[in-house]
All heavy atoms as atom14 arrays in JSON, in Angstrom:
{
  "sequence": "VAGLSAEQAAQTANLGASLVVAKSGTACLCIGELLAS",
  "atom14_mask": [
    [1, 1, 1, 1, 1, 1, 1, 0, 0, 0, 0, 0, 0, 0],
    [1, 1, 1, 1, 1, 0, 0, 0, 0, 0, 0, 0, 0, 0],
    [1, 1, 1, 1, 0, 0, 0, 0, 0, 0, 0, 0, 0, 0],
    [1, 1, 1, 1, 1, 1, 1, 1, 0, 0, 0, 0, 0, 0],
    [1, 1, 1, 1, 1, 1, 0, 0, 0, 0, 0, 0, 0, 0],
    [1, 1, 1, 1, 1, 0, 0, 0, 0, 0, 0, 0, 0, 0],
    [1, 1, 1, 1, 1, 1, 1, 1, 1, 0, 0, 0, 0, 0],
    [1, 1, 1, 1, 1, 1, 1, 1, 1, 0, 0, 0, 0, 0],
    [1, 1, 1, 1, 1, 0, 0, 0, 0, 0, 0, 0, 0, 0],
    [1, 1, 1, 1, 1, 0, 0, 0, 0, 0, 0, 0, 0, 0],
    [1, 1, 1, 1, 1, 1, 1, 1, 1, 0, 0, 0, 0, 0],
    [1, 1, 1, 1, 1, 1, 1, 0, 0, 0, 0, 0, 0, 0],
    [1, 1, 1, 1, 1, 0, 0, 0, 0, 0, 0, 0, 0, 0],
    [1, 1, 1, 1, 1, 1, 1, 1, 0, 0, 0, 0, 0, 0],
    [1, 1, 1, 1, 1, 1, 1, 1, 0, 0, 0, 0, 0, 0],
    [1, 1, 1, 1, 0, 0, 0, 0, 0, 0, 0, 0, 0, 0],
    [1, 1, 1, 1, 1, 0, 0, 0, 0, 0, 0, 0, 0, 0],
    [1, 1, 1, 1, 1, 1, 0, 0, 0, 0, 0, 0, 0, 0],
    [1, 1, 1, 1, 1, 1, 1, 1, 0, 0, 0, 0, 0, 0],
    [1, 1, 1, 1, 1, 1, 1, 0, 0, 0, 0, 0, 0, 0],
    [1, 1, 1, 1, 1, 1, 1, 0, 0, 0, 0, 0, 0, 0],
    [1, 1, 1, 1, 1, 0, 0, 0, 0, 0, 0, 0, 0, 0],
    [1, 1, 1, 1, 1, 1, 1, 1, 1, 0, 0, 0, 0, 0],
    [1, 1, 1, 1, 1, 1, 0, 0, 0, 0, 0, 0, 0, 0],
    [1, 1, 1, 1, 0, 0, 0, 0, 0, 0, 0, 0, 0, 0],
    [1, 1, 1, 1, 1, 1, 1, 0, 0, 0, 0, 0, 0, 0],
    [1, 1, 1, 1, 1, 0, 0, 0, 0, 0, 0, 0, 0, 0],
    [1, 1, 1, 1, 1, 1, 0, 0, 0, 0, 0, 0, 0, 0],
    [1, 1, 1, 1, 1, 1, 1, 1, 0, 0, 0, 0, 0, 0],
    [1, 1, 1, 1, 1, 1, 0, 0, 0, 0, 0, 0, 0, 0],
    [1, 1, 1, 1, 1, 1, 1, 1, 0, 0, 0, 0, 0, 0],
    [1, 1, 1, 1, 0, 0, 0, 0, 0, 0, 0, 0, 0, 0],
    [1, 1, 1, 1, 1, 1, 1, 1, 1, 0, 0, 0, 0, 0],
    [1, 1, 1, 1, 1, 1, 1, 1, 0, 0, 0, 0, 0, 0],
    [1, 1, 1, 1, 1, 1, 1, 1, 0, 0, 0, 0, 0, 0],
    [1, 1, 1, 1, 1, 0, 0, 0, 0, 0, 0, 0, 0, 0],
    [1, 1, 1, 1, 1, 1, 0, 0, 0, 0, 0, 0, 0, 0]
  ],
  "atom14_positions": [
    [[-119.82, -87.92, -15.37], [-120.44, -87.15, -16.38], [-119.31, -86.48, -17.22], [-119.46, -86.47, -18.57], [-121.37, -86.07, -15.86], [-121.6, -85.0, -16.92], [-122.67, -86.61, -15.31], [0.0, 0.0, 0.0], [0.0, 0.0, 0.0], [0.0, 0.0, 0.0], [0.0, 0.0, 0.0], [0.0, 0.0, 0.0], [0.0, 0.0, 0.0], [0.0, 0.0, 0.0]],
    [[-118.2, -86.09, -16.61], [-117.05, -85.47, -17.3], [-116.23, -86.49, -18.0], [-115.26, -86.11, -18.62], [-116.36, -84.55, -16.35], [0.0, 0.0, 0.0], [0.0, 0.0, 0.0], [0.0, 0.0, 0.0], [0.0, 0.0, 0.0], [0.0, 0.0, 0.0], [0.0, 0.0, 0.0], [0.0, 0.0, 0.0], [0.0, 0.0, 0.0], [0.0, 0.0, 0.0]],
    [[-116.43, -87.8, -17.9], [-115.68, -88.69, -18.6], [-114.58, -89.33, -17.88], [-113.69, -90.04, -18.38], [0.0, 0.0, 0.0], [0.0, 0.0, 0.0], [0.0, 0.0, 0.0], [0.0, 0.0, 0.0], [0.0, 0.0, 0.0], [0.0, 0.0, 0.0], [0.0, 0.0, 0.0], [0.0, 0.0, 0.0], [0.0, 0.0, 0.0], [0.0, 0.0, 0.0]],
    [[-114.41, -88.92, -16.49], [-113.37, -89.65, -15.7], [-113.72, -91.16, -15.4], [-114.88, -91.61, -15.5], [-113.24, -88.89, -14.41], [-112.24, -87.73, -14.33], [-112.67, -86.58, -15.29], [-112.02, -87.19, -12.92], [0.0, 0.0, 0.0], [0.0, 0.0, 0.0], [0.0, 0.0, 0.0], [0.0, 0.0, 0.0], [0.0, 0.0, 0.0], [0.0, 0.0, 0.0]],
    [[-112.65, -91.86, -15.03], [-112.92, -93.31, -14.62], [-113.51, -93.2, -13.27], [-113.47, -92.17, -12.58], [-111.57, -94.06, -14.6], [-110.75, -93.51, -13.55], [0.0, 0.0, 0.0], [0.0, 0.0, 0.0], [0.0, 0.0, 0.0], [0.0, 0.0, 0.0], [0.0, 0.0, 0.0], [0.0, 0.0, 0.0], [0.0, 0.0, 0.0], [0.0, 0.0, 0.0]],
    [[-114.07, -94.34, -12.81], [-114.64, -94.44, -11.43], [-113.51, -94.03, -10.37], [-113.79, -93.39, -9.43], [-115.28, -95.76, -11.25], [0.0, 0.0, 0.0], [0.0, 0.0, 0.0], [0.0, 0.0, 0.0], [0.0, 0.0, 0.0], [0.0, 0.0, 0.0], [0.0, 0.0, 0.0], [0.0, 0.0, 0.0], [0.0, 0.0, 0.0], [0.0, 0.0, 0.0]],
    [[-112.29, -94.47, -10.59], [-111.23, -94.36, -9.62], [-110.88, -92.8, -9.53], [-110.77, -92.28, -8.48], [-110.02, -95.06, -9.93], [-108.9, -94.97, -8.9], [-107.69, -95.85, -9.13], [-107.92, -96.85, -9.99], [-106.68, -95.62, -8.56], [0.0, 0.0, 0.0], [0.0, 0.0, 0.0], [0.0, 0.0, 0.0], [0.0, 0.0, 0.0], [0.0, 0.0, 0.0]],
    [[-110.77, -92.07, -10.72], [-110.5, -90.71, -10.7], [-111.59, -89.88, -10.11], [-111.35, -89.0, -9.3], [-110.33, -90.2, -12.18], [-108.99, -90.77, -12.84], [-108.98, -90.5, -14.26], [-109.93, -90.54, -14.98], [-107.75, -90.06, -14.75], [0.0, 0.0, 0.0], [0.0, 0.0, 0.0], [0.0, 0.0, 0.0], [0.0, 0.0, 0.0], [0.0, 0.0, 0.0]],
    [[-112.79, -90.25, -10.35], [-114.05, -89.54, -9.79], [-114.03, -89.81, -8.31], [-114.29, -88.85, -7.46], [-115.3, -90.14, -10.33], [0.0, 0.0, 0.0], [0.0, 0.0, 0.0], [0.0, 0.0, 0.0], [0.0, 0.0, 0.0], [0.0, 0.0, 0.0], [0.0, 0.0, 0.0], [0.0, 0.0, 0.0], [0.0, 0.0, 0.0], [0.0, 0.0, 0.0]],
    [[-113.7, -90.96, -7.82], [-113.63, -91.37, -6.37], [-112.58, -90.53, -5.77], [-112.7, -90.07, -4.53], [-113.38, -92.81, -6.12], [0.0, 0.0, 0.0], [0.0, 0.0, 0.0], [0.0, 0.0, 0.0], [0.0, 0.0, 0.0], [0.0, 0.0, 0.0], [0.0, 0.0, 0.0], [0.0, 0.0, 0.0], [0.0, 0.0, 0.0], [0.0, 0.0, 0.0]],
    [[-111.4, -90.2, -6.35], [-110.33, -89.49, -5.81], [-110.89, -88.01, -5.56], [-110.52, -87.34, -4.52], [-109.17, -89.41, -6.76], [-108.29, -90.68, -6.75], [-107.22, -90.56, -7.84], [-107.23, -89.77, -8.79], [-106.28, -91.57, -7.76], [0.0, 0.0, 0.0], [0.0, 0.0, 0.0], [0.0, 0.0, 0.0], [0.0, 0.0, 0.0], [0.0, 0.0, 0.0]],
    [[-111.61, -87.5, -6.57], [-112.16, -86.09, -6.44], [-113.19, -86.1, -5.22], [-113.16, -85.09, -4.39], [-112.89, -85.68, -7.66], [-111.9, -85.68, -8.71], [-113.33, -84.23, -7.55], [0.0, 0.0, 0.0], [0.0, 0.0, 0.0], [0.0, 0.0, 0.0], [0.0, 0.0, 0.0], [0.0, 0.0, 0.0], [0.0, 0.0, 0.0], [0.0, 0.0, 0.0]],
    [[-113.95, -87.12, -5.1], [-114.99, -87.21, -4.01], [-114.31, -87.28, -2.75], [-114.77, -86.71, -1.73], [-115.86, -88.44, -4.27], [0.0, 0.0, 0.0], [0.0, 0.0, 0.0], [0.0, 0.0, 0.0], [0.0, 0.0, 0.0], [0.0, 0.0, 0.0], [0.0, 0.0, 0.0], [0.0, 0.0, 0.0], [0.0, 0.0, 0.0], [0.0, 0.0, 0.0]],
    [[-113.22, -88.06, -2.65], [-112.49, -88.14, -1.38], [-111.9, -86.83, -0.9], [-111.95, -86.48, 0.28], [-111.4, -89.16, -1.59], [-110.82, -89.69, -0.29], [-111.45, -89.8, 0.72], [-109.44, -89.88, -0.26], [0.0, 0.0, 0.0], [0.0, 0.0, 0.0], [0.0, 0.0, 0.0], [0.0, 0.0, 0.0], [0.0, 0.0, 0.0], [0.0, 0.0, 0.0]],
    [[-111.44, -86.1, -1.92], [-110.95, -84.71, -1.61], [-112.03, -83.85, -1.15], [-111.91, -83.14, -0.15], [-110.25, -84.07, -2.88], [-109.92, -82.64, -2.86], [-108.82, -82.37, -1.72], [-109.35, -82.19, -4.11], [0.0, 0.0, 0.0], [0.0, 0.0, 0.0], [0.0, 0.0, 0.0], [0.0, 0.0, 0.0], [0.0, 0.0, 0.0], [0.0, 0.0, 0.0]],
    [[-113.12, -83.9, -1.78], [-114.28, -82.96, -1.54], [-114.88, -83.33, -0.14], [-115.19, -82.41, 0.57], [0.0, 0.0, 0.0], [0.0, 0.0, 0.0], [0.0, 0.0, 0.0], [0.0, 0.0, 0.0], [0.0, 0.0, 0.0], [0.0, 0.0, 0.0], [0.0, 0.0, 0.0], [0.0, 0.0, 0.0], [0.0, 0.0, 0.0], [0.0, 0.0, 0.0]],
    [[-114.87, -84.61, 0.2], [-115.38, -84.93, 1.56], [-114.49, -84.36, 2.7], [-115.05, -83.79, 3.66], [-115.39, -86.45, 1.73], [0.0, 0.0, 0.0], [0.0, 0.0, 0.0], [0.0, 0.0, 0.0], [0.0, 0.0, 0.0], [0.0, 0.0, 0.0], [0.0, 0.0, 0.0], [0.0, 0.0, 0.0], [0.0, 0.0, 0.0], [0.0, 0.0, 0.0]],
    [[-113.1, -84.34, 2.43], [-112.26, -83.63, 3.48], [-112.6, -82.15, 3.73], [-112.36, -81.58, 4.64], [-110.81, -84.01, 3.11], [-110.35, -83.27, 2.02], [0.0, 0.0, 0.0], [0.0, 0.0, 0.0], [0.0, 0.0, 0.0], [0.0, 0.0, 0.0], [0.0, 0.0, 0.0], [0.0, 0.0, 0.0], [0.0, 0.0, 0.0], [0.0, 0.0, 0.0]],
    [[-112.9, -81.55, 2.49], [-113.15, -80.08, 2.54], [-114.54, -79.81, 3.15], [-114.6, -78.8, 3.9], [-113.04, -79.59, 1.11], [-111.74, -79.73, 0.38], [-111.8, -79.18, -1.05], [-110.67, -79.02, 1.16], [0.0, 0.0, 0.0], [0.0, 0.0, 0.0], [0.0, 0.0, 0.0], [0.0, 0.0, 0.0], [0.0, 0.0, 0.0], [0.0, 0.0, 0.0]],
    [[-115.53, -80.54, 2.78], [-116.87, -80.1, 3.18], [-117.11, -80.46, 4.7], [-117.85, -79.73, 5.35], [-117.92, -80.86, 2.35], [-118.15, -82.33, 2.8], [-119.24, -80.05, 2.42], [0.0, 0.0, 0.0], [0.0, 0.0, 0.0], [0.0, 0.0, 0.0], [0.0, 0.0, 0.0], [0.0, 0.0, 0.0], [0.0, 0.0, 0.0], [0.0, 0.0, 0.0]],
    [[-116.41, -81.42, 5.27], [-116.62, -81.72, 6.77], [-115.9, -80.6, 7.66], [-116.21, -80.64, 8.83], [-116.03, -83.17, 7.09], [-116.86, -84.23, 6.43], [-114.62, -83.28, 6.89], [0.0, 0.0, 0.0], [0.0, 0.0, 0.0], [0.0, 0.0, 0.0], [0.0, 0.0, 0.0], [0.0, 0.0, 0.0], [0.0, 0.0, 0.0], [0.0, 0.0, 0.0]],
    [[-115.12, -79.81, 6.98], [-114.54, -78.76, 7.73], [-115.42, -77.55, 7.85], [-115.14, -76.48, 8.46], [-113.22, -78.41, 7.15], [0.0, 0.0, 0.0], [0.0, 0.0, 0.0], [0.0, 0.0, 0.0], [0.0, 0.0, 0.0], [0.0, 0.0, 0.0], [0.0, 0.0, 0.0], [0.0, 0.0, 0.0], [0.0, 0.0, 0.0], [0.0, 0.0, 0.0]],
    [[-116.53, -77.65, 7.2], [-117.56, -76.49, 7.2], [-118.65, -76.81, 8.24], [-118.9, -77.92, 8.6], [-118.18, -76.33, 5.79], [-117.18, -75.92, 4.71], [-117.97, -75.63, 3.41], [-117.05, -75.01, 2.37], [-117.9, -74.51, 1.18], [0.0, 0.0, 0.0], [0.0, 0.0, 0.0], [0.0, 0.0, 0.0], [0.0, 0.0, 0.0], [0.0, 0.0, 0.0]],
    [[-119.35, -75.68, 8.58], [-120.4, -75.87, 9.49], [-121.78, -76.09, 8.8], [-122.0, -75.41, 7.81], [-120.57, -74.69, 10.37], [-121.74, -74.69, 11.23], [0.0, 0.0, 0.0], [0.0, 0.0, 0.0], [0.0, 0.0, 0.0], [0.0, 0.0, 0.0], [0.0, 0.0, 0.0], [0.0, 0.0, 0.0], [0.0, 0.0, 0.0], [0.0, 0.0, 0.0]],
    [[-122.59, -77.11, 9.14], [-123.8, -77.28, 8.5], [-123.82, -78.12, 7.17], [-122.74, -78.56, 6.8], [0.0, 0.0, 0.0], [0.0, 0.0, 0.0], [0.0, 0.0, 0.0], [0.0, 0.0, 0.0], [0.0, 0.0, 0.0], [0.0, 0.0, 0.0], [0.0, 0.0, 0.0], [0.0, 0.0, 0.0], [0.0, 0.0, 0.0], [0.0, 0.0, 0.0]],
    [[-125.02, -78.17, 6.66], [-125.07, -78.98, 5.41], [-124.55, -77.97, 4.28], [-125.25, -77.03, 3.98], [-126.67, -79.24, 5.06], [-127.2, -79.91, 6.21], [-126.78, -80.08, 3.86], [0.0, 0.0, 0.0], [0.0, 0.0, 0.0], [0.0, 0.0, 0.0], [0.0, 0.0, 0.0], [0.0, 0.0, 0.0], [0.0, 0.0, 0.0], [0.0, 0.0, 0.0]],
    [[-123.44, -78.32, 3.83], [-122.66, -77.39, 2.91], [-122.41, -77.99, 1.6], [-122.65, -79.22, 1.35], [-121.32, -77.01, 3.59], [0.0, 0.0, 0.0], [0.0, 0.0, 0.0], [0.0, 0.0, 0.0], [0.0, 0.0, 0.0], [0.0, 0.0, 0.0], [0.0, 0.0, 0.0], [0.0, 0.0, 0.0], [0.0, 0.0, 0.0], [0.0, 0.0, 0.0]],
    [[-121.86, -77.15, 0.6], [-121.51, -77.65, -0.59], [-120.1, -76.96, -0.97], [-119.66, -76.1, -0.26], [-122.5, -77.47, -1.63], [-122.79, -75.68, -2.16], [0.0, 0.0, 0.0], [0.0, 0.0, 0.0], [0.0, 0.0, 0.0], [0.0, 0.0, 0.0], [0.0, 0.0, 0.0], [0.0, 0.0, 0.0], [0.0, 0.0, 0.0], [0.0, 0.0, 0.0]],
    [[-119.61, -77.35, -2.06], [-118.29, -76.85, -2.38], [-118.44, -75.97, -3.69], [-119.24, -76.3, -4.59], [-117.22, -77.9, -2.71], [-116.88, -78.74, -1.41], [-116.08, -80.06, -1.91], [-116.21, -77.97, -0.31], [0.0, 0.0, 0.0], [0.0, 0.0, 0.0], [0.0, 0.0, 0.0], [0.0, 0.0, 0.0], [0.0, 0.0, 0.0], [0.0, 0.0, 0.0]],
    [[-117.47, -74.99, -3.9], [-117.48, -74.33, -5.23], [-116.04, -74.88, -5.92], [-115.2, -75.42, -5.31], [-117.48, -72.84, -5.06], [-116.03, -72.14, -4.43], [0.0, 0.0, 0.0], [0.0, 0.0, 0.0], [0.0, 0.0, 0.0], [0.0, 0.0, 0.0], [0.0, 0.0, 0.0], [0.0, 0.0, 0.0], [0.0, 0.0, 0.0], [0.0, 0.0, 0.0]],
    [[-115.95, -74.49, -7.16], [-114.8, -74.94, -7.96], [-113.55, -74.47, -7.28], [-112.49, -75.21, -7.16], [-115.03, -74.45, -9.35], [-116.12, -75.24, -10.1], [-113.65, -74.62, -10.12], [-116.5, -74.63, -11.39], [0.0, 0.0, 0.0], [0.0, 0.0, 0.0], [0.0, 0.0, 0.0], [0.0, 0.0, 0.0], [0.0, 0.0, 0.0], [0.0, 0.0, 0.0]],
    [[-113.48, -73.12, -6.84], [-112.28, -72.67, -6.28], [-111.78, -73.26, -4.93], [-110.59, -73.3, -4.7], [0.0, 0.0, 0.0], [0.0, 0.0, 0.0], [0.0, 0.0, 0.0], [0.0, 0.0, 0.0], [0.0, 0.0, 0.0], [0.0, 0.0, 0.0], [0.0, 0.0, 0.0], [0.0, 0.0, 0.0], [0.0, 0.0, 0.0], [0.0, 0.0, 0.0]],
    [[-112.68, -73.86, -4.24], [-112.31, -74.63, -3.04], [-111.6, -75.9, -3.43], [-110.59, -76.31, -2.81], [-113.4, -74.86, -2.06], [-113.98, -73.66, -1.6], [-115.32, -73.94, -0.84], [-116.28, -74.27, -1.54], [-115.41, -73.68, 0.37], [0.0, 0.0, 0.0], [0.0, 0.0, 0.0], [0.0, 0.0, 0.0], [0.0, 0.0, 0.0], [0.0, 0.0, 0.0]],
    [[-112.09, -76.61, -4.5], [-111.41, -77.81, -4.96], [-110.13, -77.53, -5.52], [-109.03, -78.15, -5.23], [-112.33, -78.49, -5.94], [-113.54, -79.19, -5.33], [-114.59, -79.57, -6.52], [-113.25, -80.45, -4.58], [0.0, 0.0, 0.0], [0.0, 0.0, 0.0], [0.0, 0.0, 0.0], [0.0, 0.0, 0.0], [0.0, 0.0, 0.0], [0.0, 0.0, 0.0]],
    [[-109.97, -76.49, -6.44], [-108.77, -76.28, -7.04], [-107.67, -75.67, -6.08], [-106.49, -75.72, -6.4], [-109.01, -75.23, -8.3], [-109.79, -75.84, -9.43], [-109.91, -74.81, -10.5], [-109.21, -77.1, -9.89], [0.0, 0.0, 0.0], [0.0, 0.0, 0.0], [0.0, 0.0, 0.0], [0.0, 0.0, 0.0], [0.0, 0.0, 0.0], [0.0, 0.0, 0.0]],
    [[-108.09, -75.15, -5.07], [-107.14, -74.51, -4.1], [-106.23, -75.65, -3.44], [-105.22, -75.4, -2.94], [-107.91, -73.74, -2.91], [0.0, 0.0, 0.0], [0.0, 0.0, 0.0], [0.0, 0.0, 0.0], [0.0, 0.0, 0.0], [0.0, 0.0, 0.0], [0.0, 0.0, 0.0], [0.0, 0.0, 0.0], [0.0, 0.0, 0.0], [0.0, 0.0, 0.0]],
    [[-106.79, -76.86, -3.48], [-105.98, -78.0, -2.88], [-104.89, -78.5, -3.82], [-104.1, -79.32, -3.27], [-107.01, -79.1, -2.57], [-107.54, -79.66, -3.8], [0.0, 0.0, 0.0], [0.0, 0.0, 0.0], [0.0, 0.0, 0.0], [0.0, 0.0, 0.0], [0.0, 0.0, 0.0], [0.0, 0.0, 0.0], [0.0, 0.0, 0.0], [0.0, 0.0, 0.0]]
  ]
}
């Protein structure tokens, strides 16, 4: 939606997956958690 290529979007998704599996339960991420990486 933000205009990234599929590869760039996949890179973000790959990062997000590593962050969310470190949480307990069905979780989501906020912007600050992504940018902290």
